């Protein structure tokens, strides 16, 4: 169950980031001095992203109660980075170069090493 909470934290965090990105893509608008409040206040994707970040925070706090901070934080952060980079490349049309993929592998490998090092006391 503990790892399920951590995995949900990763997925919800990544989903929130993706929703915020999508909320800023045309035809939606984000707040600025030239955009009326009503235009972004009705941006339901933005608000869904905000709610997802709230849920991600709750899951993060819960994960910290289940795992050492040296495991929970890197796993949630790096997992979200890897998912967002992958989804942005495959779904949103952003760059997903070989170098990006190597970076994702290095990030995940580093987090695995940190987690293993934290458990080998």
PDB file of N, CA and C in Angstrom:
ATOM      1  N   UNK A   1       0.823  -1.202   0.000  1.00  0.00           N
ATOM      2  CA  UNK A   1       0.000   0.000   0.000  1.00  0.00           C
ATOM      3  C   UNK A   1       0.861   1.256   0.000  1.00  0.00           C
ATOM      4  N   UNK A   2       2.005   1.200   0.711  1.00  0.00           N
ATOM      5  CA  UNK A   2       2.882   2.371   0.782  1.00  0.00           C
ATOM      6  C   UNK A   2       3.348   2.807  -0.603  1.00  0.00           C
ATOM      7  N   UNK A   3       3.760   1.835  -1.424  1.00  0.00           N
ATOM      8  CA  UNK A   3       4.257   2.169  -2.761  1.00  0.00           C
ATOM      9  C   UNK A   3       3.140   2.650  -3.667  1.00  0.00           C
ATOM     10  N   UNK A   4       1.916   2.226  -3.392  1.00  0.00           N
ATOM     11  CA  UNK A   4       0.771   2.719  -4.162  1.00  0.00           C
ATOM     12  C   UNK A   4       0.587   4.216  -3.911  1.00  0.00           C
ATOM     13  N   UNK A   5       0.724   4.629  -2.667  1.00  0.00           N
ATOM     14  CA  UNK A   5       0.613   6.057  -2.327  1.00  0.00           C
ATOM     15  C   UNK A   5       1.699   6.843  -3.049  1.00  0.00           C
ATOM     16  N   UNK A   6       2.902   6.322  -3.053  1.00  0.00           N
ATOM     17  CA  UNK A   6       4.004   6.999  -3.729  1.00  0.00           C
ATOM     18  C   UNK A   6       3.754   7.072  -5.238  1.00  0.00           C
ATOM     19  N   UNK A   7       3.302   5.981  -5.824  1.00  0.00           N
ATOM     20  CA  UNK A   7       3.009   5.967  -7.271  1.00  0.00           C
ATOM     21  C   UNK A   7       1.881   6.935  -7.615  1.00  0.00           C
ATOM     22  N   UNK A   8       0.845   6.973  -6.782  1.00  0.00           N
ATOM     23  CA  UNK A   8      -0.244   7.927  -7.008  1.00  0.00           C
ATOM     24  C   UNK A   8       0.261   9.362  -6.898  1.00  0.00           C
ATOM     25  N   UNK A   9       1.151   9.614  -5.956  1.00  0.00           N
ATOM     26  CA  UNK A   9       1.740  10.939  -5.823  1.00  0.00           C
ATOM     27  C   UNK A   9       2.473  11.349  -7.086  1.00  0.00           C
ATOM     28  N   UNK A  10       3.218  10.421  -7.669  1.00  0.00           N
ATOM     29  CA  UNK A  10       3.937  10.695  -8.916  1.00  0.00           C
ATOM     30  C   UNK A  10       2.945  11.000 -10.036  1.00  0.00           C
ATOM     31  N   UNK A  11       1.955  10.139 -10.196  1.00  0.00           N
ATOM     32  CA  UNK A  11       0.990  10.291 -11.294  1.00  0.00           C
ATOM     33  C   UNK A  11       0.160  11.563 -11.172  1.00  0.00           C
ATOM     34  N   UNK A  12      -0.296  11.874  -9.976  1.00  0.00           N
ATOM     35  CA  UNK A  12      -1.121  13.068  -9.791  1.00  0.00           C
ATOM     36  C   UNK A  12      -0.284  14.330  -9.974  1.00  0.00           C
ATOM     37  N   UNK A  13       0.955  14.314  -9.493  1.00  0.00           N
ATOM     38  CA  UNK A  13       1.846  15.457  -9.678  1.00  0.00           C
ATOM     39  C   UNK A  13       2.092  15.692 -11.166  1.00  0.00           C
ATOM     40  N   UNK A  14       2.406  14.648 -11.903  1.00  0.00           N
ATOM     41  CA  UNK A  14       2.648  14.775 -13.338  1.00  0.00           C
ATOM     42  C   UNK A  14       1.392  15.228 -14.070  1.00  0.00           C
ATOM     43  N   UNK A  15       0.249  14.669 -13.692  1.00  0.00           N
ATOM     44  CA  UNK A  15      -1.020  15.057 -14.317  1.00  0.00           C
ATOM     45  C   UNK A  15      -1.302  16.534 -14.100  1.00  0.00           C
ATOM     46  N   UNK A  16      -1.043  17.020 -12.900  1.00  0.00           N
ATOM     47  CA  UNK A  16      -1.264  18.441 -12.602  1.00  0.00           C
ATOM     48  C   UNK A  16      -0.400  19.313 -13.500  1.00  0.00           C
ATOM     49  N   UNK A  17       0.857  18.958 -13.656  1.00  0.00           N
ATOM     50  CA  UNK A  17       1.753  19.738 -14.510  1.00  0.00           C
ATOM     51  C   UNK A  17       1.283  19.742 -15.961  1.00  0.00           C
ATOM     52  N   UNK A  18       0.862  18.601 -16.438  1.00  0.00           N
ATOM     53  CA  UNK A  18       0.385  18.499 -17.819  1.00  0.00           C
ATOM     54  C   UNK A  18      -0.893  19.309 -18.006  1.00  0.00           C
ATOM     55  N   UNK A  19      -1.798  19.236 -17.035  1.00  0.00           N
ATOM     56  CA  UNK A  19      -3.036  20.020 -17.123  1.00  0.00           C
ATOM     57  C   UNK A  19      -2.758  21.518 -17.149  1.00  0.00           C
ATOM     58  N   UNK A  20      -1.817  21.976 -16.328  1.00  0.00           N
ATOM     59  CA  UNK A  20      -1.472  23.398 -16.322  1.00  0.00           C
ATOM     60  C   UNK A  20      -0.895  23.795 -17.677  1.00  0.00           C
ATOM     61  N   UNK A  21      -0.051  22.949 -18.248  1.00  0.00           N
ATOM     62  CA  UNK A  21       0.497  23.237 -19.578  1.00  0.00           C
ATOM     63  C   UNK A  21      -0.621  23.317 -20.609  1.00  0.00           C
ATOM     64  N   UNK A  22      -1.511  22.336 -20.613  1.00  0.00           N
ATOM     65  CA  UNK A  22      -2.623  22.322 -21.573  1.00  0.00           C
ATOM     66  C   UNK A  22      -3.519  23.538 -21.370  1.00  0.00           C
ATOM     67  N   UNK A  23      -3.680  23.975 -20.135  1.00  0.00           N
ATOM     68  CA  UNK A  23      -4.546  25.122 -19.854  1.00  0.00           C
ATOM     69  C   UNK A  23      -4.006  26.414 -20.454  1.00  0.00           C
ATOM     70  N   UNK A  24      -2.718  26.431 -20.764  1.00  0.00           N
ATOM     71  CA  UNK A  24      -2.112  27.646 -21.322  1.00  0.00           C
ATOM     72  C   UNK A  24      -2.001  27.603 -22.841  1.00  0.00           C
ATOM     73  N   UNK A  25      -2.435  26.502 -23.423  1.00  0.00           N
ATOM     74  CA  UNK A  25      -2.360  26.362 -24.881  1.00  0.00           C
ATOM     75  C   UNK A  25      -3.633  26.911 -25.521  1.00  0.00           C
ATOM     76  N   UNK A  26      -3.522  27.491 -26.714  1.00  0.00           N
ATOM     77  CA  UNK A  26      -4.725  28.015 -27.385  1.00  0.00           C
ATOM     78  C   UNK A  26      -5.768  26.918 -27.552  1.00  0.00           C
ATOM     79  N   UNK A  27      -7.027  27.213 -27.420  1.00  0.00           N
ATOM     80  CA  UNK A  27      -7.644  28.540 -27.363  1.00  0.00           C
ATOM     81  C   UNK A  27      -7.794  29.083 -25.942  1.00  0.00           C
ATOM     82  N   UNK A  28      -7.242  28.386 -24.959  1.00  0.00           N
ATOM     83  CA  UNK A  28      -7.366  28.858 -23.576  1.00  0.00           C
ATOM     84  C   UNK A  28      -6.384  29.990 -23.309  1.00  0.00           C
ATOM     85  N   UNK A  29      -6.688  30.777 -22.292  1.00  0.00           N
ATOM     86  CA  UNK A  29      -5.790  31.872 -21.940  1.00  0.00           C
ATOM     87  C   UNK A  29      -5.518  31.867 -20.450  1.00  0.00           C
ATOM     88  N   UNK A  30      -4.352  32.338 -20.108  1.00  0.00           N
ATOM     89  CA  UNK A  30      -3.969  32.476 -18.707  1.00  0.00           C
ATOM     90  C   UNK A  30      -4.006  33.948 -18.328  1.00  0.00           C
ATOM     91  N   UNK A  31      -3.998  34.234 -17.032  1.00  0.00           N
ATOM     92  CA  UNK A  31      -4.089  35.622 -16.605  1.00  0.00           C
ATOM     93  C   UNK A  31      -2.937  36.486 -17.113  1.00  0.00           C
ATOM     94  N   UNK A  32      -3.263  37.655 -17.528  1.00  0.00           N
ATOM     95  CA  UNK A  32      -2.278  38.677 -17.860  1.00  0.00           C
ATOM     96  C   UNK A  32      -2.986  40.018 -17.764  1.00  0.00           C
ATOM     97  N   UNK A  33      -2.237  41.093 -17.910  1.00  0.00           N
ATOM     98  CA  UNK A  33      -2.847  42.415 -17.806  1.00  0.00           C
ATOM     99  C   UNK A  33      -3.819  42.688 -18.948  1.00  0.00           C
ATOM    100  N   UNK A  34      -3.631  41.994 -20.070  1.00  0.00           N
ATOM    101  CA  UNK A  34      -4.497  42.253 -21.218  1.00  0.00           C
ATOM    102  C   UNK A  34      -5.669  41.272 -21.342  1.00  0.00           C
ATOM    103  N   UNK A  35      -5.718  40.275 -20.467  1.00  0.00           N
ATOM    104  CA  UNK A  35      -6.784  39.270 -20.534  1.00  0.00           C
ATOM    105  C   UNK A  35      -7.734  39.477 -19.364  1.00  0.00           C
ATOM    106  N   UNK A  36      -9.030  39.618 -19.644  1.00  0.00           N
ATOM    107  CA  UNK A  36      -9.976  39.808 -18.540  1.00  0.00           C
ATOM    108  C   UNK A  36     -10.008  38.591 -17.612  1.00  0.00           C
ATOM    109  N   UNK A  37     -10.278  38.855 -16.362  1.00  0.00           N
ATOM    110  CA  UNK A  37     -10.336  37.791 -15.355  1.00  0.00           C
ATOM    111  C   UNK A  37     -11.326  36.711 -15.760  1.00  0.00           C
ATOM    112  N   UNK A  38     -12.429  37.090 -16.347  1.00  0.00           N
ATOM    113  CA  UNK A  38     -13.453  36.111 -16.720  1.00  0.00           C
ATOM    114  C   UNK A  38     -12.931  35.105 -17.733  1.00  0.00           C
ATOM    115  N   UNK A  39     -11.951  35.491 -18.564  1.00  0.00           N
ATOM    116  CA  UNK A  39     -11.422  34.585 -19.586  1.00  0.00           C
ATOM    117  C   UNK A  39     -10.646  33.428 -18.963  1.00  0.00           C
ATOM    118  N   UNK A  40      -9.868  33.722 -17.930  1.00  0.00           N
ATOM    119  CA  UNK A  40      -9.120  32.623 -17.320  1.00  0.00           C
ATOM    120  C   UNK A  40      -9.853  32.006 -16.144  1.00  0.00           C
ATOM    121  N   UNK A  41     -10.796  32.709 -15.563  1.00  0.00           N
ATOM    122  CA  UNK A  41     -11.557  32.147 -14.443  1.00  0.00           C
ATOM    123  C   UNK A  41     -12.432  30.977 -14.901  1.00  0.00           C
ATOM    124  N   UNK A  42     -12.771  30.956 -16.168  1.00  0.00           N
ATOM    125  CA  UNK A  42     -13.596  29.868 -16.704  1.00  0.00           C
ATOM    126  C   UNK A  42     -12.748  28.797 -17.390  1.00  0.00           C
ATOM    127  N   UNK A  43     -11.441  28.879 -17.254  1.00  0.00           N
ATOM    128  CA  UNK A  43     -10.543  27.897 -17.836  1.00  0.00           C
ATOM    129  C   UNK A  43     -10.549  26.652 -16.941  1.00  0.00           C
ATOM    130  N   UNK A  44     -11.459  25.730 -17.234  1.00  0.00           N
ATOM    131  CA  UNK A  44     -11.660  24.576 -16.357  1.00  0.00           C
ATOM    132  C   UNK A  44     -10.432  23.666 -16.303  1.00  0.00           C
ATOM    133  N   UNK A  45      -9.627  23.640 -17.349  1.00  0.00           N
ATOM    134  CA  UNK A  45      -8.419  22.808 -17.334  1.00  0.00           C
ATOM    135  C   UNK A  45      -7.421  23.366 -16.323  1.00  0.00           C
ATOM    136  N   UNK A  46      -7.323  24.683 -16.264  1.00  0.00           N
ATOM    137  CA  UNK A  46      -6.450  25.327 -15.273  1.00  0.00           C
ATOM    138  C   UNK A  46      -6.887  24.949 -13.863  1.00  0.00           C
ATOM    139  N   UNK A  47      -8.164  25.047 -13.583  1.00  0.00           N
ATOM    140  CA  UNK A  47      -8.669  24.756 -12.241  1.00  0.00           C
ATOM    141  C   UNK A  47      -8.546  23.274 -11.904  1.00  0.00           C
ATOM    142  N   UNK A  48      -8.707  22.421 -12.907  1.00  0.00           N
ATOM    143  CA  UNK A  48      -8.497  20.986 -12.681  1.00  0.00           C
ATOM    144  C   UNK A  48      -7.032  20.723 -12.324  1.00  0.00           C
ATOM    145  N   UNK A  49      -6.125  21.436 -12.974  1.00  0.00           N
ATOM    146  CA  UNK A  49      -4.702  21.322 -12.649  1.00  0.00           C
ATOM    147  C   UNK A  49      -4.404  21.800 -11.242  1.00  0.00           C
ATOM    148  N   UNK A  50      -5.039  22.897 -10.835  1.00  0.00           N
ATOM    149  CA  UNK A  50      -4.844  23.418  -9.477  1.00  0.00           C
ATOM    150  C   UNK A  50      -5.330  22.402  -8.445  1.00  0.00           C
ATOM    151  N   UNK A  51      -6.492  21.809  -8.695  1.00  0.00           N
ATOM    152  CA  UNK A  51      -7.030  20.794  -7.783  1.00  0.00           C
ATOM    153  C   UNK A  51      -6.098  19.574  -7.748  1.00  0.00           C
ATOM    154  N   UNK A  52      -5.574  19.203  -8.910  1.00  0.00           N
ATOM    155  CA  UNK A  52      -4.652  18.064  -8.963  1.00  0.00           C
ATOM    156  C   UNK A  52      -3.384  18.358  -8.159  1.00  0.00           C
ATOM    157  N   UNK A  53      -2.882  19.595  -8.242  1.00  0.00           N
ATOM    158  CA  UNK A  53      -1.718  19.956  -7.419  1.00  0.00           C
ATOM    159  C   UNK A  53      -2.056  19.862  -5.929  1.00  0.00           C
ATOM    160  N   UNK A  54      -3.257  20.251  -5.560  1.00  0.00           N
ATOM    161  CA  UNK A  54      -3.680  20.118  -4.161  1.00  0.00           C
ATOM    162  C   UNK A  54      -3.674  18.669  -3.721  1.00  0.00           C
ATOM    163  N   UNK A  55      -4.223  17.797  -4.559  1.00  0.00           N
ATOM    164  CA  UNK A  55      -4.246  16.368  -4.255  1.00  0.00           C
ATOM    165  C   UNK A  55      -2.820  15.807  -4.223  1.00  0.00           C
ATOM    166  N   UNK A  56      -1.981  16.267  -5.145  1.00  0.00           N
ATOM    167  CA  UNK A  56      -0.578  15.822  -5.158  1.00  0.00           C
ATOM    168  C   UNK A  56       0.124  16.205  -3.862  1.00  0.00           C
ATOM    169  N   UNK A  57      -0.183  17.395  -3.347  1.00  0.00           N
ATOM    170  CA  UNK A  57       0.410  17.830  -2.078  1.00  0.00           C
ATOM    171  C   UNK A  57      -0.027  16.921  -0.932  1.00  0.00           C
ATOM    172  N   UNK A  58      -1.311  16.591  -0.893  1.00  0.00           N
ATOM    173  CA  UNK A  58      -1.829  15.697   0.153  1.00  0.00           C
ATOM    174  C   UNK A  58      -1.142  14.335   0.061  1.00  0.00           C
ATOM    175  N   UNK A  59      -1.007  13.807  -1.148  1.00  0.00           N
ATOM    176  CA  UNK A  59      -0.333  12.516  -1.321  1.00  0.00           C
ATOM    177  C   UNK A  59       1.142  12.604  -0.944  1.00  0.00           C
ATOM    178  N   UNK A  60       1.769  13.741  -1.232  1.00  0.00           N
ATOM    179  CA  UNK A  60       3.170  13.949  -0.869  1.00  0.00           C
ATOM    180  C   UNK A  60       3.332  13.934   0.652  1.00  0.00           C
ATOM    181  N   UNK A  61       2.476  14.638   1.347  1.00  0.00           N
ATOM    182  CA  UNK A  61       2.535  14.662   2.816  1.00  0.00           C
ATOM    183  C   UNK A  61       2.333  13.259   3.371  1.00  0.00           C
ATOM    184  N   UNK A  62       1.366  12.532   2.814  1.00  0.00           N
ATOM    185  CA  UNK A  62       1.103  11.161   3.264  1.00  0.00           C
ATOM    186  C   UNK A  62       2.314  10.267   2.973  1.00  0.00           C
ATOM    187  N   UNK A  63       2.908  10.429   1.783  1.00  0.00           N
ATOM    188  CA  UNK A  63       4.082   9.632   1.425  1.00  0.00           C
ATOM    189  C   UNK A  63       5.246   9.908   2.382  1.00  0.00           C
ATOM    190  N   UNK A  64       5.387  11.165   2.807  1.00  0.00           N
ATOM    191  CA  UNK A  64       6.444  11.499   3.766  1.00  0.00           C
ATOM    192  C   UNK A  64       6.221  10.848   5.124  1.00  0.00           C
ATOM    193  N   UNK A  65       4.965  10.546   5.444  1.00  0.00           N
ATOM    194  CA  UNK A  65       4.702   9.851   6.698  1.00  0.00           C
ATOM    195  C   UNK A  65       4.992   8.348   6.591  1.00  0.00           C
ATOM    196  N   UNK A  66       5.091   7.857   5.353  1.00  0.00           N
ATOM    197  CA  UNK A  66       5.315   6.429   5.134  1.00  0.00           C
ATOM    198  C   UNK A  66       6.762   6.092   4.795  1.00  0.00           C
ATOM    199  N   UNK A  67       7.491   7.042   4.218  1.00  0.00           N
ATOM    200  CA  UNK A  67       8.846   6.813   3.738  1.00  0.00           C
ATOM    201  C   UNK A  67       9.781   7.881   4.287  1.00  0.00           C
ATOM    202  N   UNK A  68      11.077   7.583   4.318  1.00  0.00           N
ATOM    203  CA  UNK A  68      12.028   8.649   4.630  1.00  0.00           C
ATOM    204  C   UNK A  68      11.956   9.727   3.540  1.00  0.00           C
ATOM    205  N   UNK A  69      12.231  10.952   3.913  1.00  0.00           N
ATOM    206  CA  UNK A  69      12.202  12.052   2.942  1.00  0.00           C
ATOM    207  C   UNK A  69      13.184  11.807   1.802  1.00  0.00           C
ATOM    208  N   UNK A  70      14.290  11.112   2.093  1.00  0.00           N
ATOM    209  CA  UNK A  70      15.301  10.836   1.066  1.00  0.00           C
ATOM    210  C   UNK A  70      14.818   9.838   0.018  1.00  0.00           C
ATOM    211  N   UNK A  71      13.687   9.226   0.254  1.00  0.00           N
ATOM    212  CA  UNK A  71      13.077   8.336  -0.743  1.00  0.00           C
ATOM    213  C   UNK A  71      11.840   8.995  -1.351  1.00  0.00           C
ATOM    214  N   UNK A  72      10.940   9.468  -0.513  1.00  0.00           N
ATOM    215  CA  UNK A  72       9.662  10.001  -1.002  1.00  0.00           C
ATOM    216  C   UNK A  72       9.854  11.188  -1.943  1.00  0.00           C
ATOM    217  N   UNK A  73      10.649  12.153  -1.531  1.00  0.00           N
ATOM    218  CA  UNK A  73      10.802  13.354  -2.358  1.00  0.00           C
ATOM    219  C   UNK A  73      11.452  13.068  -3.714  1.00  0.00           C
ATOM    220  N   UNK A  74      12.590  12.381  -3.751  1.00  0.00           N
ATOM    221  CA  UNK A  74      13.192  12.115  -5.061  1.00  0.00           C
ATOM    222  C   UNK A  74      12.304  11.268  -5.974  1.00  0.00           C
ATOM    223  N   UNK A  75      11.615  10.283  -5.414  1.00  0.00           N
ATOM    224  CA  UNK A  75      10.774   9.429  -6.248  1.00  0.00           C
ATOM    225  C   UNK A  75       9.630  10.237  -6.853  1.00  0.00           C
ATOM    226  N   UNK A  76       8.953  11.036  -6.043  1.00  0.00           N
ATOM    227  CA  UNK A  76       7.834  11.821  -6.557  1.00  0.00           C
ATOM    228  C   UNK A  76       8.321  12.870  -7.562  1.00  0.00           C
ATOM    229  N   UNK A  77       9.392  13.547  -7.245  1.00  0.00           N
ATOM    230  CA  UNK A  77       9.893  14.601  -8.123  1.00  0.00           C
ATOM    231  C   UNK A  77      10.428  14.030  -9.441  1.00  0.00           C
ATOM    232  N   UNK A  78      11.316  13.061  -9.346  1.00  0.00           N
ATOM    233  CA  UNK A  78      11.912  12.492 -10.552  1.00  0.00           C
ATOM    234  C   UNK A  78      10.885  11.736 -11.391  1.00  0.00           C
ATOM    235  N   UNK A  79       9.987  11.037 -10.721  1.00  0.00           N
ATOM    236  CA  UNK A  79       8.938  10.332 -11.453  1.00  0.00           C
ATOM    237  C   UNK A  79       8.071  11.290 -12.247  1.00  0.00           C
ATOM    238  N   UNK A  80       7.720  12.403 -11.621  1.00  0.00           N
ATOM    239  CA  UNK A  80       6.910  13.406 -12.313  1.00  0.00           C
ATOM    240  C   UNK A  80       7.687  14.026 -13.475  1.00  0.00           C
ATOM    241  N   UNK A  81       8.966  14.297 -13.270  1.00  0.00           N
ATOM    242  CA  UNK A  81       9.791  14.856 -14.346  1.00  0.00           C
ATOM    243  C   UNK A  81       9.818  13.893 -15.540  1.00  0.00           C
ATOM    244  N   UNK A  82      10.045  12.630 -15.275  1.00  0.00           N
ATOM    245  CA  UNK A  82      10.116  11.638 -16.348  1.00  0.00           C
ATOM    246  C   UNK A  82       8.788  11.523 -17.097  1.00  0.00           C
ATOM    247  N   UNK A  83       7.690  11.485 -16.364  1.00  0.00           N
ATOM    248  CA  UNK A  83       6.380  11.359 -17.003  1.00  0.00           C
ATOM    249  C   UNK A  83       6.038  12.612 -17.798  1.00  0.00           C
ATOM    250  N   UNK A  84       6.262  13.781 -17.213  1.00  0.00           N
ATOM    251  CA  UNK A  84       5.931  15.030 -17.909  1.00  0.00           C
ATOM    252  C   UNK A  84       6.761  15.164 -19.184  1.00  0.00           C
ATOM    253  N   UNK A  85       8.054  14.887 -19.113  1.00  0.00           N
ATOM    254  CA  UNK A  85       8.903  14.988 -20.306  1.00  0.00           C
ATOM    255  C   UNK A  85       8.440  14.028 -21.398  1.00  0.00           C
ATOM    256  N   UNK A  86       8.070  12.820 -20.999  1.00  0.00           N
ATOM    257  CA  UNK A  86       7.623  11.821 -21.963  1.00  0.00           C
ATOM    258  C   UNK A  86       6.283  12.211 -22.583  1.00  0.00           C
ATOM    259  N   UNK A  87       5.317  12.584 -21.755  1.00  0.00           N
ATOM    260  CA  UNK A  87       4.000  12.969 -22.263  1.00  0.00           C
ATOM    261  C   UNK A  87       4.101  14.233 -23.116  1.00  0.00           C
ATOM    262  N   UNK A  88       4.912  15.185 -22.684  1.00  0.00           N
ATOM    263  CA  UNK A  88       5.081  16.422 -23.456  1.00  0.00           C
ATOM    264  C   UNK A  88       5.635  16.105 -24.844  1.00  0.00           C
ATOM    265  N   UNK A  89       6.545  15.163 -24.918  1.00  0.00           N
ATOM    266  CA  UNK A  89       7.109  14.781 -26.207  1.00  0.00           C
ATOM    267  C   UNK A  89       6.166  13.979 -27.068  1.00  0.00           C
ATOM    268  N   UNK A  90       5.480  13.024 -26.465  1.00  0.00           N
ATOM    269  CA  UNK A  90       4.631  12.122 -27.240  1.00  0.00           C
ATOM    270  C   UNK A  90       3.237  12.674 -27.537  1.00  0.00           C
ATOM    271  N   UNK A  91       2.702  13.481 -26.627  1.00  0.00           N
ATOM    272  CA  UNK A  91       1.322  13.945 -26.775  1.00  0.00           C
ATOM    273  C   UNK A  91       1.240  15.430 -27.147  1.00  0.00           C
ATOM    274  N   UNK A  92       2.071  16.245 -26.525  1.00  0.00           N
ATOM    275  CA  UNK A  92       1.974  17.692 -26.738  1.00  0.00           C
ATOM    276  C   UNK A  92       2.888  18.202 -27.850  1.00  0.00           C
ATOM    277  N   UNK A  93       3.649  17.324 -28.459  1.00  0.00           N
ATOM    278  CA  UNK A  93       4.484  17.712 -29.584  1.00  0.00           C
ATOM    279  C   UNK A  93       5.768  18.441 -29.220  1.00  0.00           C
ATOM    280  N   UNK A  94       6.159  18.391 -27.966  1.00  0.00           N
ATOM    281  CA  UNK A  94       7.421  19.016 -27.563  1.00  0.00           C
ATOM    282  C   UNK A  94       8.576  18.086 -27.913  1.00  0.00           C
ATOM    283  N   UNK A  95       9.785  18.608 -27.828  1.00  0.00           N
ATOM    284  CA  UNK A  95      10.964  17.841 -28.204  1.00  0.00           C
ATOM    285  C   UNK A  95      11.191  16.670 -27.248  1.00  0.00           C
ATOM    286  N   UNK A  96      11.402  15.498 -27.835  1.00  0.00           N
ATOM    287  CA  UNK A  96      11.764  14.309 -27.060  1.00  0.00           C
ATOM    288  C   UNK A  96      12.939  13.664 -27.780  1.00  0.00           C
ATOM    289  N   UNK A  97      14.096  14.278 -27.625  1.00  0.00           N
ATOM    290  CA  UNK A  97      15.295  13.821 -28.331  1.00  0.00           C
ATOM    291  C   UNK A  97      15.926  12.633 -27.609  1.00  0.00           C
ATOM    292  N   UNK A  98      16.899  12.051 -28.262  1.00  0.00           N
ATOM    293  CA  UNK A  98      17.645  10.957 -27.644  1.00  0.00           C
ATOM    294  C   UNK A  98      18.334  11.449 -26.367  1.00  0.00           C
ATOM    295  N   UNK A  99      18.804  12.676 -26.400  1.00  0.00           N
ATOM    296  CA  UNK A  99      19.454  13.249 -25.214  1.00  0.00           C
ATOM    297  C   UNK A  99      18.460  13.374 -24.050  1.00  0.00           C
ATOM    298  N   UNK A 100      17.230  13.763 -24.362  1.00  0.00           N
ATOM    299  CA  UNK A 100      16.187  13.850 -23.327  1.00  0.00           C
ATOM    300  C   UNK A 100      15.915  12.476 -22.730  1.00  0.00           C
ATOM    301  N   UNK A 101      15.834  11.480 -23.577  1.00  0.00           N
ATOM    302  CA  UNK A 101      15.571  10.115 -23.105  1.00  0.00           C
ATOM    303  C   UNK A 101      16.721   9.626 -22.226  1.00  0.00           C
ATOM    304  N   UNK A 102      17.945   9.906 -22.627  1.00  0.00           N
ATOM    305  CA  UNK A 102      19.108   9.536 -21.806  1.00  0.00           C
ATOM    306  C   UNK A 102      19.031  10.249 -20.452  1.00  0.00           C
ATOM    307  N   UNK A 103      18.654  11.517 -20.476  1.00  0.00           N
ATOM    308  CA  UNK A 103      18.502  12.266 -19.223  1.00  0.00           C
ATOM    309  C   UNK A 103      17.468  11.655 -18.305  1.00  0.00           C
ATOM    310  N   UNK A 104      16.344  11.228 -18.873  1.00  0.00           N
ATOM    311  CA  UNK A 104      15.294  10.586 -18.074  1.00  0.00           C
ATOM    312  C   UNK A 104      15.827   9.302 -17.438  1.00  0.00           C
ATOM    313  N   UNK A 105      16.550   8.513 -18.217  1.00  0.00           N
ATOM    314  CA  UNK A 105      17.133   7.266 -17.692  1.00  0.00           C
ATOM    315  C   UNK A 105      18.129   7.573 -16.572  1.00  0.00           C
ATOM    316  N   UNK A 106      18.936   8.605 -16.749  1.00  0.00           N
ATOM    317  CA  UNK A 106      19.911   8.978 -15.712  1.00  0.00           C
ATOM    318  C   UNK A 106      19.194   9.440 -14.445  1.00  0.00           C
ATOM    319  N   UNK A 107      18.140  10.238 -14.596  1.00  0.00           N
ATOM    320  CA  UNK A 107      17.378  10.708 -13.428  1.00  0.00           C
ATOM    321  C   UNK A 107      16.801   9.522 -12.658  1.00  0.00           C
ATOM    322  N   UNK A 108      16.155   8.620 -13.382  1.00  0.00           N
ATOM    323  CA  UNK A 108      15.542   7.449 -12.721  1.00  0.00           C
ATOM    324  C   UNK A 108      16.618   6.585 -12.070  1.00  0.00           C
ATOM    325  N   UNK A 109      17.742   6.389 -12.763  1.00  0.00           N
ATOM    326  CA  UNK A 109      18.835   5.595 -12.188  1.00  0.00           C
ATOM    327  C   UNK A 109      19.378   6.242 -10.918  1.00  0.00           C
ATOM    328  N   UNK A 110      19.520   7.550 -10.949  1.00  0.00           N
ATOM    329  CA  UNK A 110      19.995   8.265  -9.766  1.00  0.00           C
ATOM    330  C   UNK A 110      19.062   8.125  -8.587  1.00  0.00           C
ATOM    331  N   UNK A 111      17.766   8.214  -8.843  1.00  0.00           N
ATOM    332  CA  UNK A 111      16.793   8.075  -7.752  1.00  0.00           C
ATOM    333  C   UNK A 111      16.816   6.655  -7.190  1.00  0.00           C
ATOM    334  N   UNK A 112      16.955   5.663  -8.055  1.00  0.00           N
ATOM    335  CA  UNK A 112      17.054   4.279  -7.577  1.00  0.00           C
ATOM    336  C   UNK A 112      18.280   4.131  -6.678  1.00  0.00           C
ATOM    337  N   UNK A 113      19.407   4.714  -7.087  1.00  0.00           N
ATOM    338  CA  UNK A 113      20.624   4.626  -6.265  1.00  0.00           C
ATOM    339  C   UNK A 113      20.447   5.346  -4.926  1.00  0.00           C
ATOM    340  N   UNK A 114      19.817   6.510  -4.949  1.00  0.00           N
ATOM    341  CA  UNK A 114      19.561   7.247  -3.701  1.00  0.00           C
ATOM    342  C   UNK A 114      18.655   6.423  -2.780  1.00  0.00           C
ATOM    343  N   UNK A 115      17.618   5.835  -3.338  1.00  0.00           N
ATOM    344  CA  UNK A 115      16.683   5.040  -2.534  1.00  0.00           C
ATOM    345  C   UNK A 115      17.384   3.812  -1.962  1.00  0.00           C
ATOM    346  N   UNK A 116      18.188   3.127  -2.775  1.00  0.00           N
ATOM    347  CA  UNK A 116      18.912   1.964  -2.275  1.00  0.00           C
ATOM    348  C   UNK A 116      19.929   2.358  -1.203  1.00  0.00           C
ATOM    349  N   UNK A 117      20.589   3.484  -1.403  1.00  0.00           N
ATOM    350  CA  UNK A 117      21.545   3.978  -0.415  1.00  0.00           C
ATOM    351  C   UNK A 117      20.873   4.358   0.885  1.00  0.00           C
ATOM    352  N   UNK A 118      19.663   4.883   0.810  1.00  0.00           N
ATOM    353  CA  UNK A 118      18.918   5.275   2.008  1.00  0.00           C
ATOM    354  C   UNK A 118      18.470   4.072   2.815  1.00  0.00           C
ATOM    355  N   UNK A 119      18.263   2.944   2.141  1.00  0.00           N
ATOM    356  CA  UNK A 119      17.774   1.748   2.840  1.00  0.00           C
ATOM    357  C   UNK A 119      18.906   0.889   3.374  1.00  0.00           C
ATOM    358  N   UNK A 120      20.131   1.145   2.968  1.00  0.00           N
ATOM    359  CA  UNK A 120      21.248   0.265   3.368  1.00  0.00           C
ATOM    360  C   UNK A 120      22.013   0.814   4.561  1.00  0.00           C
ATOM    361  N   UNK A 121      21.295   1.200   5.597  1.00  0.00           N
ATOM    362  CA  UNK A 121      21.951   1.713   6.808  1.00  0.00           C
ATOM    363  C   UNK A 121      22.246   0.604   7.765  1.00  0.00           C
TER     364      UNK A 121
END
